[in-house]
């Protein structure tokens, strides 16, 4: 059986809540489905970031960690992260602007 993991990798307090959702596989035919949302209390006007991973797996949930690199700067649109999944490291680098 295939399963998936949804994990927020933020270090501060975030809640994962289930909501009612809809999906349509044919025109004008909606079906109910579960939907999930990460929520965080925001106390100021500072920009917030959410780092989330959706990862499929077959038997055992993987160990997933994220490590920001020194040049990672969300405010400047510079994404530089290492994602480690069961000990295998992948580097993600991009500029958003």
Protein backbone atom coordinates (compact mmCIF):
# COMPACT_ATOMS: atom_id res chain seq x y z
CA UNK A 1 0.00 0.00 0.00
CA UNK A 2 1.37 3.41 -0.95
CA UNK A 3 1.10 6.21 1.57
CA UNK A 4 2.30 9.77 1.79
CA UNK A 5 3.69 12.06 4.42
CA UNK A 6 2.86 15.75 4.72
CA UNK A 7 5.35 17.47 6.98
CA UNK A 8 5.95 21.08 7.88
CA UNK A 9 9.60 21.68 8.57
CA UNK A 10 9.18 25.05 10.26
CA UNK A 11 10.76 25.33 13.69
CA UNK A 12 8.02 27.47 15.23
CA UNK A 13 4.51 26.46 16.28
CA UNK A 14 2.30 25.48 13.35
CA UNK A 15 -0.94 23.48 13.39
CA UNK A 16 -2.12 21.05 10.69
CA UNK A 17 -5.91 21.10 10.50
CA UNK A 18 -8.36 19.13 8.37
CA UNK A 19 -11.03 20.98 6.39
CA UNK A 20 -13.81 19.95 4.05
CA UNK A 21 -12.77 20.11 0.43
CA UNK A 22 -14.20 19.32 -3.00
CA UNK A 23 -12.76 17.59 -6.05
CA UNK A 24 -14.22 17.24 -9.55
CA UNK A 25 -13.18 14.57 -12.04
CA UNK A 26 -16.02 15.41 -14.44
CA UNK A 27 -17.72 18.69 -15.36
CA UNK A 28 -20.25 19.85 -12.71
CA UNK A 29 -19.78 16.71 -10.56
CA UNK A 30 -18.21 17.63 -7.23
CA UNK A 31 -17.25 15.09 -4.60
CA UNK A 32 -16.33 15.76 -1.00
CA UNK A 33 -12.74 15.08 -0.03
CA UNK A 34 -10.52 15.89 2.92
CA UNK A 35 -8.30 18.94 2.70
CA UNK A 36 -5.52 19.99 5.04
CA UNK A 37 -4.15 23.40 5.94
CA UNK A 38 -1.12 24.54 7.93
CA UNK A 39 -2.02 27.44 10.21
CA UNK A 40 0.12 29.76 12.29
CA UNK A 41 -0.75 32.68 14.53
CA UNK A 42 0.76 35.86 13.10
CA UNK A 43 1.42 38.57 15.69
CA UNK A 44 3.11 41.20 13.51
CA UNK A 45 3.53 42.41 9.92
CA UNK A 46 6.72 40.37 9.36
CA UNK A 47 6.77 38.07 6.34
CA UNK A 48 6.35 34.39 7.22
CA UNK A 49 7.53 31.34 5.28
CA UNK A 50 6.20 27.80 5.24
CA UNK A 51 8.48 24.94 4.25
CA UNK A 52 6.49 21.80 3.51
CA UNK A 53 7.27 18.46 1.91
CA UNK A 54 4.81 16.01 0.40
CA UNK A 55 6.60 12.67 0.08
CA UNK A 56 5.12 9.30 -0.98
CA UNK A 57 6.36 6.05 0.59
CA UNK A 58 5.43 2.37 0.66
CA UNK A 59 6.09 0.91 4.11
CA UNK A 60 7.97 3.02 6.66
CA UNK A 61 7.70 6.81 6.89
CA UNK A 62 11.04 8.38 5.91
CA UNK A 63 13.16 10.55 8.21
CA UNK A 64 13.10 14.02 6.60
CA UNK A 65 15.19 17.00 7.71
CA UNK A 66 15.81 20.41 6.21
CA UNK A 67 18.99 22.42 6.61
CA UNK A 68 19.16 26.04 5.40
CA UNK A 69 22.50 26.97 3.83
CA UNK A 70 24.34 30.17 4.80
CA UNK A 71 23.20 31.96 1.63
CA UNK A 72 19.49 31.14 2.17
CA UNK A 73 17.55 34.44 2.45
CA UNK A 74 13.77 34.22 2.08
CA UNK A 75 13.36 38.02 2.27
CA UNK A 76 15.61 38.48 -0.79
CA UNK A 77 14.02 35.53 -2.66
CA UNK A 78 17.14 33.36 -2.37
CA UNK A 79 16.30 29.74 -1.62
CA UNK A 80 19.28 27.59 -0.65
CA UNK A 81 18.37 24.48 1.31
CA UNK A 82 19.58 20.94 1.86
CA UNK A 83 16.87 18.32 2.24
CA UNK A 84 17.95 15.05 3.82
CA UNK A 85 15.64 12.05 3.31
CA UNK A 86 16.77 8.87 5.09
CA UNK A 87 20.36 10.13 5.02
CA UNK A 88 20.37 11.06 1.30
CA UNK A 89 21.07 14.77 0.83
CA UNK A 90 19.68 16.89 -2.01
CA UNK A 91 20.49 20.56 -2.51
CA UNK A 92 17.79 23.00 -3.65
CA UNK A 93 18.87 26.41 -4.93
CA UNK A 94 16.80 29.01 -6.79
CA UNK A 95 16.05 32.73 -6.94
CA UNK A 96 12.42 33.84 -6.78
CA UNK A 97 12.95 37.32 -8.22
